Amino acid sequence: MAKTVSIPPKVAEKSIQGIRAALRKMGRADLASSMGIEVKRGFVYVAEADGSPLCRLRYLGKPDVWGLQMFKWSTESYDTEGDFPFGGGSLADCIGQALEVYNL
């Protein structure tokens, strides 16, 4: 597994704003205001309003490309083995894929 790159504070702040903006653009203002979004080390963790994990976005060193790791309830861990066909992209792409996977 690649070494985790820390997210610079400005990128962390913009990533949270970017996820909320992407949700609003998708017509999901309800999720934009209720989802939990937290930055820890090299990841942005996204959870449903009730705190249930949805996914985490891995910072790859550039603010416009992120890795996507879905939360797998079967193992109660994040997918690091590529079980999901979509591996990353822009913040909007990643969030869109996560919503699709969990039918939100």
N, C-alpha and C. Protein backbone atom coordinates (compact mmCIF):
# COMPACT_ATOMS: atom_id res chain seq x y z
N MET A 1 0.85 -1.18 0.00
CA MET A 1 0.00 0.00 0.00
C MET A 1 0.89 1.24 0.00
N ALA A 2 0.47 2.22 -0.74
CA ALA A 2 1.23 3.47 -0.84
C ALA A 2 1.23 4.20 0.49
N LYS A 3 2.29 4.94 0.70
CA LYS A 3 2.40 5.75 1.92
C LYS A 3 1.31 6.82 1.93
N THR A 4 0.71 7.02 3.11
CA THR A 4 -0.34 8.03 3.25
C THR A 4 0.29 9.42 3.27
N VAL A 5 -0.22 10.29 2.41
CA VAL A 5 0.26 11.67 2.33
C VAL A 5 -0.67 12.54 3.16
N SER A 6 -0.12 13.33 4.07
CA SER A 6 -0.94 14.23 4.88
C SER A 6 -1.60 15.29 4.01
N ILE A 7 -2.81 15.64 4.38
CA ILE A 7 -3.55 16.65 3.63
C ILE A 7 -3.22 18.02 4.18
N PRO A 8 -2.69 18.93 3.37
CA PRO A 8 -2.42 20.29 3.84
C PRO A 8 -3.71 20.96 4.32
N PRO A 9 -3.64 21.79 5.36
CA PRO A 9 -4.85 22.41 5.93
C PRO A 9 -5.74 23.11 4.90
N LYS A 10 -5.16 23.85 3.97
CA LYS A 10 -5.98 24.55 2.97
C LYS A 10 -6.70 23.56 2.06
N VAL A 11 -6.03 22.47 1.70
CA VAL A 11 -6.64 21.45 0.85
C VAL A 11 -7.75 20.74 1.63
N ALA A 12 -7.52 20.49 2.92
CA ALA A 12 -8.53 19.84 3.76
C ALA A 12 -9.80 20.69 3.81
N GLU A 13 -9.65 21.97 4.05
CA GLU A 13 -10.80 22.87 4.12
C GLU A 13 -11.53 22.91 2.78
N LYS A 14 -10.78 23.02 1.70
CA LYS A 14 -11.40 23.09 0.37
C LYS A 14 -12.05 21.76 -0.01
N SER A 15 -11.51 20.65 0.47
CA SER A 15 -12.12 19.36 0.15
C SER A 15 -13.48 19.22 0.82
N ILE A 16 -13.60 19.65 2.04
CA ILE A 16 -14.90 19.61 2.73
C ILE A 16 -15.90 20.49 1.99
N GLN A 17 -15.48 21.70 1.65
CA GLN A 17 -16.35 22.62 0.91
C GLN A 17 -16.71 22.02 -0.45
N GLY A 18 -15.73 21.39 -1.10
CA GLY A 18 -15.95 20.81 -2.42
C GLY A 18 -16.94 19.65 -2.40
N ILE A 19 -16.89 18.83 -1.36
CA ILE A 19 -17.83 17.71 -1.23
C ILE A 19 -19.24 18.25 -1.03
N ARG A 20 -19.38 19.23 -0.16
CA ARG A 20 -20.71 19.81 0.09
C ARG A 20 -21.25 20.50 -1.18
N ALA A 21 -20.37 21.19 -1.90
CA ALA A 21 -20.79 21.85 -3.15
C ALA A 21 -21.20 20.81 -4.20
N ALA A 22 -20.46 19.71 -4.29
CA ALA A 22 -20.79 18.65 -5.25
C ALA A 22 -22.15 18.04 -4.92
N LEU A 23 -22.43 17.83 -3.65
CA LEU A 23 -23.72 17.29 -3.25
C LEU A 23 -24.86 18.24 -3.61
N ARG A 24 -24.65 19.53 -3.37
CA ARG A 24 -25.68 20.51 -3.73
C ARG A 24 -25.90 20.53 -5.24
N LYS A 25 -24.82 20.45 -6.00
CA LYS A 25 -24.91 20.46 -7.47
C LYS A 25 -25.66 19.22 -7.97
N MET A 26 -25.55 18.11 -7.24
CA MET A 26 -26.27 16.88 -7.60
C MET A 26 -27.73 16.93 -7.17
N GLY A 27 -28.13 18.06 -6.56
CA GLY A 27 -29.49 18.17 -6.09
C GLY A 27 -29.72 17.52 -4.74
N ARG A 28 -28.64 17.32 -4.01
CA ARG A 28 -28.71 16.65 -2.71
C ARG A 28 -28.31 17.59 -1.58
N ALA A 29 -28.97 18.74 -1.55
CA ALA A 29 -28.70 19.72 -0.48
C ALA A 29 -28.98 19.12 0.89
N ASP A 30 -29.93 18.17 0.95
CA ASP A 30 -30.22 17.50 2.21
C ASP A 30 -28.98 16.78 2.74
N LEU A 31 -28.26 16.11 1.86
CA LEU A 31 -27.04 15.41 2.28
C LEU A 31 -25.89 16.38 2.52
N ALA A 32 -25.85 17.45 1.73
CA ALA A 32 -24.77 18.43 1.88
C ALA A 32 -24.76 19.02 3.28
N SER A 33 -25.93 19.19 3.86
CA SER A 33 -26.01 19.79 5.19
C SER A 33 -25.98 18.76 6.32
N SER A 34 -26.24 17.48 6.01
CA SER A 34 -26.34 16.50 7.09
C SER A 34 -25.19 15.50 7.17
N MET A 35 -24.46 15.29 6.09
CA MET A 35 -23.37 14.31 6.12
C MET A 35 -22.23 14.77 7.00
N GLY A 36 -21.65 13.81 7.68
CA GLY A 36 -20.45 14.10 8.47
C GLY A 36 -19.23 13.99 7.58
N ILE A 37 -18.39 15.01 7.60
CA ILE A 37 -17.17 15.00 6.79
C ILE A 37 -16.03 15.40 7.73
N GLU A 38 -15.03 14.52 7.82
CA GLU A 38 -13.94 14.75 8.76
C GLU A 38 -12.61 14.41 8.10
N VAL A 39 -11.63 15.23 8.33
CA VAL A 39 -10.29 15.02 7.78
C VAL A 39 -9.39 14.45 8.88
N LYS A 40 -8.76 13.33 8.56
CA LYS A 40 -7.81 12.70 9.48
C LYS A 40 -6.62 12.23 8.66
N ARG A 41 -5.45 12.70 9.02
CA ARG A 41 -4.21 12.35 8.32
C ARG A 41 -4.37 12.52 6.82
N GLY A 42 -4.29 11.45 6.05
CA GLY A 42 -4.34 11.53 4.60
C GLY A 42 -5.69 11.20 4.00
N PHE A 43 -6.75 11.23 4.82
CA PHE A 43 -8.07 10.83 4.34
C PHE A 43 -9.13 11.86 4.70
N VAL A 44 -10.16 11.92 3.86
CA VAL A 44 -11.39 12.64 4.19
C VAL A 44 -12.45 11.57 4.37
N TYR A 45 -12.97 11.46 5.59
CA TYR A 45 -13.98 10.47 5.92
C TYR A 45 -15.37 11.07 5.73
N VAL A 46 -16.25 10.33 5.07
CA VAL A 46 -17.61 10.79 4.81
C VAL A 46 -18.57 9.78 5.45
N ALA A 47 -19.49 10.31 6.25
CA ALA A 47 -20.46 9.46 6.94
C ALA A 47 -21.87 10.01 6.73
N GLU A 48 -22.84 9.12 6.85
CA GLU A 48 -24.23 9.53 6.77
C GLU A 48 -24.58 10.34 8.03
N ALA A 49 -25.74 10.97 8.02
CA ALA A 49 -26.16 11.83 9.12
C ALA A 49 -26.18 11.09 10.46
N ASP A 50 -26.47 9.79 10.43
CA ASP A 50 -26.52 9.02 11.67
C ASP A 50 -25.14 8.54 12.13
N GLY A 51 -24.11 8.92 11.38
CA GLY A 51 -22.74 8.54 11.74
C GLY A 51 -22.25 7.28 11.06
N SER A 52 -23.11 6.62 10.29
CA SER A 52 -22.70 5.39 9.59
C SER A 52 -21.68 5.73 8.51
N PRO A 53 -20.53 5.05 8.51
CA PRO A 53 -19.51 5.33 7.51
C PRO A 53 -19.99 5.04 6.10
N LEU A 54 -19.60 5.89 5.18
CA LEU A 54 -19.95 5.73 3.77
C LEU A 54 -18.70 5.41 2.96
N CYS A 55 -17.71 6.29 3.08
CA CYS A 55 -16.47 6.09 2.33
C CYS A 55 -15.39 6.98 2.92
N ARG A 56 -14.19 6.79 2.40
CA ARG A 56 -13.12 7.73 2.70
C ARG A 56 -12.39 8.03 1.40
N LEU A 57 -11.94 9.25 1.30
CA LEU A 57 -11.21 9.70 0.12
C LEU A 57 -9.75 9.84 0.50
N ARG A 58 -8.91 9.18 -0.24
CA ARG A 58 -7.46 9.20 0.04
C ARG A 58 -6.81 10.33 -0.75
N TYR A 59 -6.09 11.19 -0.05
CA TYR A 59 -5.36 12.27 -0.69
C TYR A 59 -4.16 11.69 -1.42
N LEU A 60 -4.06 11.97 -2.71
CA LEU A 60 -2.98 11.42 -3.54
C LEU A 60 -1.90 12.44 -3.86
N GLY A 61 -1.93 13.57 -3.16
CA GLY A 61 -0.91 14.59 -3.37
C GLY A 61 -1.35 15.73 -4.26
N LYS A 62 -2.52 15.59 -4.88
CA LYS A 62 -3.07 16.65 -5.74
C LYS A 62 -4.52 16.88 -5.33
N PRO A 63 -4.95 18.12 -5.20
CA PRO A 63 -6.31 18.38 -4.72
C PRO A 63 -7.42 18.04 -5.72
N ASP A 64 -7.06 17.72 -6.97
CA ASP A 64 -8.10 17.42 -7.96
C ASP A 64 -8.25 15.94 -8.26
N VAL A 65 -7.45 15.09 -7.63
CA VAL A 65 -7.55 13.64 -7.84
C VAL A 65 -7.46 12.94 -6.48
N TRP A 66 -8.48 12.12 -6.19
CA TRP A 66 -8.57 11.43 -4.91
C TRP A 66 -8.80 9.94 -5.15
N GLY A 67 -8.35 9.13 -4.22
CA GLY A 67 -8.66 7.71 -4.23
C GLY A 67 -9.93 7.48 -3.43
N LEU A 68 -10.76 6.55 -3.85
CA LEU A 68 -12.02 6.26 -3.18
C LEU A 68 -11.96 4.89 -2.55
N GLN A 69 -12.26 4.81 -1.27
CA GLN A 69 -12.36 3.54 -0.57
C GLN A 69 -13.73 3.49 0.11
N MET A 70 -14.58 2.60 -0.36
CA MET A 70 -15.91 2.46 0.19
C MET A 70 -15.85 1.70 1.51
N PHE A 71 -16.78 2.00 2.41
CA PHE A 71 -16.88 1.24 3.65
C PHE A 71 -17.63 -0.04 3.34
N LYS A 72 -17.06 -1.17 3.73
CA LYS A 72 -17.68 -2.47 3.49
C LYS A 72 -18.27 -2.96 4.82
N TRP A 73 -19.58 -3.06 4.86
CA TRP A 73 -20.25 -3.51 6.07
C TRP A 73 -19.96 -4.98 6.34
N SER A 74 -19.66 -5.75 5.31
CA SER A 74 -19.40 -7.18 5.50
C SER A 74 -18.16 -7.42 6.35
N THR A 75 -17.19 -6.52 6.26
CA THR A 75 -15.96 -6.65 7.05
C THR A 75 -15.78 -5.51 8.04
N GLU A 76 -16.71 -4.55 7.98
CA GLU A 76 -16.64 -3.35 8.82
C GLU A 76 -15.28 -2.67 8.71
N SER A 77 -14.85 -2.51 7.45
CA SER A 77 -13.59 -1.84 7.16
C SER A 77 -13.69 -1.17 5.79
N TYR A 78 -12.71 -0.35 5.48
CA TYR A 78 -12.67 0.32 4.19
C TYR A 78 -12.04 -0.60 3.16
N ASP A 79 -12.57 -0.58 1.96
CA ASP A 79 -12.09 -1.42 0.88
C ASP A 79 -10.71 -0.96 0.42
N THR A 80 -9.72 -1.75 0.70
CA THR A 80 -8.36 -1.44 0.24
C THR A 80 -7.89 -2.43 -0.82
N GLU A 81 -8.77 -3.37 -1.16
CA GLU A 81 -8.41 -4.43 -2.10
C GLU A 81 -9.05 -4.27 -3.47
N GLY A 82 -9.79 -3.19 -3.68
CA GLY A 82 -10.39 -2.94 -4.99
C GLY A 82 -11.63 -3.74 -5.29
N ASP A 83 -12.43 -4.05 -4.29
CA ASP A 83 -13.67 -4.79 -4.51
C ASP A 83 -14.70 -3.97 -5.28
N PHE A 84 -14.56 -2.65 -5.25
CA PHE A 84 -15.48 -1.79 -5.97
C PHE A 84 -14.80 -1.35 -7.26
N PRO A 85 -15.55 -1.26 -8.36
CA PRO A 85 -14.93 -0.99 -9.66
C PRO A 85 -14.40 0.43 -9.85
N PHE A 86 -14.85 1.35 -9.03
CA PHE A 86 -14.43 2.74 -9.18
C PHE A 86 -13.37 3.05 -8.13
N GLY A 87 -12.18 3.48 -8.56
CA GLY A 87 -11.10 3.69 -7.62
C GLY A 87 -10.81 5.12 -7.25
N GLY A 88 -11.42 6.10 -7.93
CA GLY A 88 -11.15 7.48 -7.58
C GLY A 88 -11.41 8.44 -8.71
N GLY A 89 -11.00 9.68 -8.47
CA GLY A 89 -11.21 10.75 -9.43
C GLY A 89 -11.36 12.06 -8.69
N SER A 90 -12.17 12.94 -9.23
CA SER A 90 -12.42 14.22 -8.56
C SER A 90 -13.29 13.99 -7.32
N LEU A 91 -13.37 15.00 -6.48
CA LEU A 91 -14.24 14.90 -5.30
C LEU A 91 -15.68 14.58 -5.72
N ALA A 92 -16.17 15.29 -6.73
CA ALA A 92 -17.54 15.08 -7.20
C ALA A 92 -17.73 13.67 -7.74
N ASP A 93 -16.75 13.17 -8.51
CA ASP A 93 -16.83 11.81 -9.04
C ASP A 93 -16.90 10.79 -7.92
N CYS A 94 -16.05 10.95 -6.93
CA CYS A 94 -15.98 10.00 -5.81
C CYS A 94 -17.28 10.00 -5.01
N ILE A 95 -17.78 11.18 -4.68
CA ILE A 95 -19.02 11.26 -3.90
C ILE A 95 -20.19 10.71 -4.71
N GLY A 96 -20.23 11.02 -6.00
CA GLY A 96 -21.27 10.48 -6.86
C GLY A 96 -21.27 8.96 -6.88
N GLN A 97 -20.09 8.37 -6.97
CA GLN A 97 -19.98 6.91 -6.96
C GLN A 97 -20.40 6.33 -5.62
N ALA A 98 -20.01 6.98 -4.54
CA ALA A 98 -20.39 6.48 -3.21
C ALA A 98 -21.91 6.50 -3.04
N LEU A 99 -22.55 7.56 -3.48
CA LEU A 99 -24.01 7.65 -3.39
C LEU A 99 -24.67 6.57 -4.23
N GLU A 100 -24.09 6.29 -5.39
CA GLU A 100 -24.64 5.26 -6.27
C GLU A 100 -24.50 3.88 -5.64
N VAL A 101 -23.34 3.59 -5.08
CA VAL A 101 -23.11 2.28 -4.48
C VAL A 101 -24.11 2.02 -3.36
N TYR A 102 -24.35 3.01 -2.53
CA TYR A 102 -25.27 2.84 -1.40
C TYR A 102 -26.69 3.30 -1.71
N ASN A 103 -26.96 3.57 -2.99
CA ASN A 103 -28.30 3.95 -3.43
C ASN A 103 -28.90 5.08 -2.59
N LEU A 104 -28.12 6.13 -2.40
CA LEU A 104 -28.59 7.28 -1.63
C LEU A 104 -29.05 8.40 -2.54
